[in-house]
Amino acid sequence: MTFTPTVSDAVRALAPGFTHVTVEAHGLVNGASTEASSALLDDAAGRLAERLRGRAPHEDPHMAAWREIYTAFGSKPSRTRNSAEALARRALSEAGLPRINLLVDLYNAVSVAHLIPVGGEDIDRIDGGMRLVRATGEEGFVTVAGGEETVEHPDPGEVVWRDDTGVTCRRWNWRQGPRTRLTEETASGIFLLESMAPMPVPEVEAAAAELAGLLEKFSPGARVTVHPAA
C-alpha cells in the first residue's frame, strides 16, 4: 500500500511556494549510529560550510523563506527554528551534529548537506494518514518535558503534521513527538523533504534521491520508493 501524506488547502493558501517529496521505505534495518553514518554527518557539515561560504544559515534564501512562513503563522523563527536551520547551526558549532541512530543520521545528513528540512516517521506508529494542517488549538501533542510525558496543544492557526490520534510534529517541522519517531525497532519509514520557493523543485528531488540511495545502501533489500513532488 502506498503511504501518501496530504497537505490541506489552508496550508497551500498560506504557503503557495511549498513543495514536499516523500521517500517511503519498507524492510529497513535500524540500529545504533555507526562509523559510516557518523562520517556521513561530518561530510554533510563540510558540504554545508561550502554551500554557505561564511554566511549564517538564516541568511540562505531558502532558510529566509522558511522564516517568513513561520512568522506568517504566528511563530517566532529566531526562537523556534525550522529543523534544517536548527541542524545547520549545530553542524557549524563546536558541538557538531548529534548521533541519534542509523536512520536518523542518514536523513539528518541529507538535511544538512542540502539545507532542506527532512523528517522521518515510523509508518507502523502512524494512526491513519498523515496530513499537514492549520491547527484549531484543541489537538493533542504528546511530548516529554523534564523526563515526564506531557500533552501540549498547538496554537490556533499553527501549521502541524498530524494523524488520526493527534499532532506528530509541531510548528511544521520544528519539534517531532516521540510517538511516531524512528527507533531502532523501525522497519517501515516515511521521510518528508520539505521546501519553499525559491529552492528549485529538482534540488529537492535530488536530495530525495540521495536519501533513497543511502537507505538502500544501509538497509540492503529494503523497498524504497520516491514519490513525486507535491
Protein backbone atom coordinates (compact mmCIF):
# COMPACT_ATOMS: atom_id res chain seq x y z
CA MET A 1 0.00 0.00 0.00
CA THR A 2 1.32 3.44 -0.89
CA PHE A 3 1.58 5.88 2.00
CA THR A 4 0.90 9.42 0.77
CA PRO A 5 0.79 12.40 3.17
CA THR A 6 -1.64 15.18 2.26
CA VAL A 7 -1.50 18.97 2.52
CA SER A 8 -4.62 20.96 3.40
CA ASP A 9 -5.94 23.80 1.27
CA ALA A 10 -5.40 26.17 4.21
CA VAL A 11 -1.68 25.40 4.25
CA ARG A 12 -1.46 25.72 0.47
CA ALA A 13 -3.05 29.17 0.72
CA LEU A 14 -0.59 30.22 3.42
CA ALA A 15 2.47 28.92 1.56
CA PRO A 16 1.86 28.57 -2.19
CA GLY A 17 5.61 28.04 -2.71
CA PHE A 18 5.67 24.90 -0.55
CA THR A 19 6.73 21.57 -2.06
CA HIS A 20 7.38 18.22 -0.44
CA VAL A 21 8.88 15.00 -1.70
CA THR A 22 8.19 11.74 0.12
CA VAL A 23 10.51 8.76 0.39
CA GLU A 24 8.72 5.60 1.52
CA ALA A 25 10.79 2.64 2.70
CA HIS A 26 9.94 -0.86 3.91
CA GLY A 27 12.27 -3.57 5.14
CA LEU A 28 14.57 -1.12 6.88
CA VAL A 29 17.20 -2.16 9.37
CA ASN A 30 17.89 0.42 12.04
CA GLY A 31 20.35 0.39 14.90
CA ALA A 32 22.86 2.50 16.76
CA SER A 33 24.91 5.09 14.91
CA THR A 34 27.95 3.64 13.16
CA GLU A 35 31.29 4.98 12.00
CA ALA A 36 29.86 5.11 8.49
CA SER A 37 26.78 7.13 9.48
CA SER A 38 28.95 9.40 11.61
CA ALA A 39 31.22 10.01 8.61
CA LEU A 40 28.16 10.98 6.55
CA LEU A 41 27.25 13.60 9.14
CA ASP A 42 30.78 15.01 9.11
CA ASP A 43 30.74 15.13 5.31
CA ALA A 44 27.35 16.88 5.37
CA ALA A 45 28.73 19.56 7.70
CA GLY A 46 31.53 20.17 5.21
CA ARG A 47 29.09 20.41 2.32
CA LEU A 48 27.01 22.87 4.30
CA ALA A 49 30.01 25.09 5.05
CA GLU A 50 30.87 25.13 1.35
CA ARG A 51 27.26 26.00 0.48
CA LEU A 52 27.05 28.88 2.95
CA ARG A 53 30.54 30.30 2.32
CA GLY A 54 30.68 32.14 5.61
CA ARG A 55 27.02 33.15 5.83
CA ALA A 56 24.87 32.23 8.78
CA PRO A 57 22.23 29.55 7.99
CA HIS A 58 19.35 32.01 8.30
CA GLU A 59 20.93 34.17 5.59
CA ASP A 60 20.46 31.43 3.00
CA PRO A 61 17.48 32.34 0.74
CA HIS A 62 15.74 29.02 1.44
CA MET A 63 16.02 29.46 5.20
CA ALA A 64 14.87 33.08 4.87
CA ALA A 65 11.74 31.85 3.09
CA TRP A 66 11.02 29.41 5.91
CA ARG A 67 11.43 32.23 8.45
CA GLU A 68 8.86 34.29 6.57
CA ILE A 69 6.36 31.44 6.67
CA TYR A 70 6.95 30.77 10.37
CA THR A 71 6.23 34.44 11.03
CA ALA A 72 3.10 34.22 8.87
CA PHE A 73 1.51 31.55 11.07
CA GLY A 74 2.48 33.26 14.31
CA SER A 75 5.76 31.62 15.33
CA LYS A 76 8.98 33.44 16.13
CA PRO A 77 11.57 31.96 13.75
CA SER A 78 14.56 33.07 15.83
CA ARG A 79 13.18 31.11 18.80
CA THR A 80 11.53 28.15 17.09
CA ARG A 81 13.71 27.46 14.08
CA ASN A 82 12.77 25.09 11.29
CA SER A 83 14.56 21.76 11.61
CA ALA A 84 17.08 22.41 8.83
CA GLU A 85 18.21 25.74 10.27
CA ALA A 86 18.49 24.26 13.76
CA LEU A 87 20.57 21.32 12.49
CA ALA A 88 22.74 23.62 10.39
CA ARG A 89 23.57 25.72 13.44
CA ARG A 90 24.53 22.56 15.31
CA ALA A 91 26.65 21.37 12.38
CA LEU A 92 28.64 24.61 12.35
CA SER A 93 29.10 24.74 16.13
CA GLU A 94 31.85 23.13 18.21
CA ALA A 95 29.34 20.53 19.44
CA GLY A 96 28.65 19.33 15.91
CA LEU A 97 25.74 17.18 14.82
CA PRO A 98 24.19 14.69 17.26
CA ARG A 99 24.38 10.97 16.57
CA ILE A 100 20.88 9.57 17.18
CA ASN A 101 20.53 6.25 15.39
CA LEU A 102 21.37 4.98 11.92
CA LEU A 103 18.20 6.06 10.10
CA VAL A 104 18.05 9.46 11.78
CA ASP A 105 21.72 10.03 10.98
CA LEU A 106 21.01 9.35 7.30
CA TYR A 107 18.19 11.84 6.95
CA ASN A 108 19.92 14.43 9.12
CA ALA A 109 22.95 14.21 6.83
CA VAL A 110 20.80 14.86 3.76
CA SER A 111 19.00 17.71 5.55
CA VAL A 112 22.25 19.46 6.46
CA ALA A 113 24.00 18.89 3.14
CA HIS A 114 21.07 20.32 1.14
CA LEU A 115 19.72 22.73 3.79
CA ILE A 116 16.26 21.19 3.49
CA PRO A 117 14.00 20.23 6.41
CA VAL A 118 13.73 16.43 6.47
CA GLY A 119 11.65 14.38 8.89
CA GLY A 120 11.29 10.66 9.42
CA GLU A 121 8.28 8.83 10.86
CA ASP A 122 7.64 5.19 11.67
CA ILE A 123 4.78 4.13 9.42
CA ASP A 124 3.70 1.41 11.84
CA ARG A 125 3.19 4.02 14.57
CA ILE A 126 1.06 6.36 12.46
CA ASP A 127 -2.69 6.20 13.03
CA GLY A 128 -4.39 6.63 9.67
CA GLY A 129 -2.85 9.05 7.19
CA MET A 130 -0.50 11.95 7.78
CA ARG A 131 -1.73 15.40 6.90
CA LEU A 132 -0.35 18.92 7.12
CA VAL A 133 -2.99 21.27 8.53
CA ARG A 134 -3.50 24.51 10.39
CA ALA A 135 -4.33 23.60 13.97
CA THR A 136 -7.51 24.51 15.82
CA GLY A 137 -5.59 24.54 19.10
CA GLU A 138 -7.53 21.61 20.52
CA GLU A 139 -5.29 18.87 19.09
CA GLY A 140 -3.06 16.94 21.47
CA PHE A 141 0.71 16.74 21.09
CA VAL A 142 2.34 14.16 23.33
CA THR A 143 5.91 15.09 24.20
CA VAL A 144 8.41 14.73 27.04
CA ALA A 145 9.33 17.59 29.35
CA GLY A 146 11.57 17.21 32.38
CA GLY A 147 11.68 13.47 31.84
CA GLU A 148 7.89 13.18 32.12
CA GLU A 149 5.34 12.61 29.36
CA THR A 150 3.11 15.60 28.88
CA VAL A 151 0.42 16.76 26.46
CA GLU A 152 0.74 20.14 24.78
CA HIS A 153 -1.65 21.87 22.43
CA PRO A 154 -0.58 23.83 19.33
CA ASP A 155 -1.51 27.45 18.91
CA PRO A 156 -4.64 28.10 16.83
CA GLY A 157 -3.53 28.54 13.22
CA GLU A 158 -0.17 26.87 13.80
CA VAL A 159 0.92 24.57 10.95
CA VAL A 160 1.29 20.99 12.19
CA TRP A 161 1.66 17.48 10.90
CA ARG A 162 -0.94 15.18 12.42
CA ASP A 163 -2.59 11.78 12.13
CA ASP A 164 -5.90 10.46 13.47
CA THR A 165 -4.55 10.34 17.05
CA GLY A 166 -3.05 13.81 17.25
CA VAL A 167 -0.15 16.05 16.30
CA THR A 168 3.06 14.32 15.27
CA CYS A 169 5.16 17.44 14.63
CA ARG A 170 4.61 21.00 15.86
CA ARG A 171 5.29 24.25 14.01
CA TRP A 172 5.54 22.49 10.66
CA ASN A 173 8.90 20.82 11.23
CA TRP A 174 10.16 22.32 14.49
CA ARG A 175 9.58 19.56 17.04
CA GLN A 176 8.64 15.94 16.41
CA GLY A 177 6.74 13.96 19.01
CA PRO A 178 8.18 10.70 20.37
CA ARG A 179 5.13 8.61 19.44
CA THR A 180 5.98 8.23 15.74
CA ARG A 181 9.73 8.83 15.66
CA LEU A 182 12.16 6.32 14.17
CA THR A 183 13.52 3.90 16.76
CA GLU A 184 15.93 1.01 16.50
CA GLU A 185 12.88 -1.26 16.01
CA THR A 186 11.60 0.68 12.99
CA ALA A 187 11.15 -1.43 9.84
CA SER A 188 8.97 0.90 7.73
CA GLY A 189 9.53 4.63 7.48
CA ILE A 190 8.22 7.68 5.69
CA PHE A 191 10.67 10.53 5.07
CA LEU A 192 9.44 14.03 4.22
CA LEU A 193 11.67 16.53 2.45
CA GLU A 194 10.11 19.98 2.56
CA SER A 195 11.00 23.12 0.65
CA MET A 196 9.85 26.64 -0.07
CA ALA A 197 10.38 28.77 -3.13
CA PRO A 198 12.96 29.94 -4.23
CA MET A 199 14.51 26.48 -3.89
CA PRO A 200 14.09 24.70 -7.26
CA VAL A 201 12.00 21.53 -7.12
CA PRO A 202 14.74 19.50 -8.89
CA GLU A 203 17.05 20.27 -5.96
CA VAL A 204 14.56 18.75 -3.50
CA GLU A 205 14.13 15.76 -5.78
CA ALA A 206 17.92 15.32 -5.92
CA ALA A 207 18.08 15.33 -2.13
CA ALA A 208 15.30 12.72 -2.01
CA ALA A 209 17.17 10.53 -4.49
CA GLU A 210 20.30 10.81 -2.35
CA LEU A 211 18.38 9.76 0.75
CA ALA A 212 16.78 6.84 -1.10
CA GLY A 213 20.22 5.67 -2.17
CA LEU A 214 21.52 5.83 1.39
CA LEU A 215 18.54 3.86 2.70
CA GLU A 216 19.15 1.17 0.10
CA LYS A 217 22.87 1.10 0.93
CA PHE A 218 22.43 0.81 4.69
CA SER A 219 19.38 -1.50 4.53
CA PRO A 220 20.17 -3.94 1.68
CA GLY A 221 16.96 -5.41 0.30
CA ALA A 222 14.76 -2.55 1.51
CA ARG A 223 11.92 -1.48 -0.78
CA VAL A 224 12.37 2.25 -1.29
CA THR A 225 10.06 4.47 -3.34
CA VAL A 226 10.45 8.18 -4.05
CA HIS A 227 7.03 9.75 -4.62
CA PRO A 228 6.78 12.75 -6.98
CA ALA A 229 6.98 16.28 -5.64
CA ALA A 230 3.62 17.60 -4.49
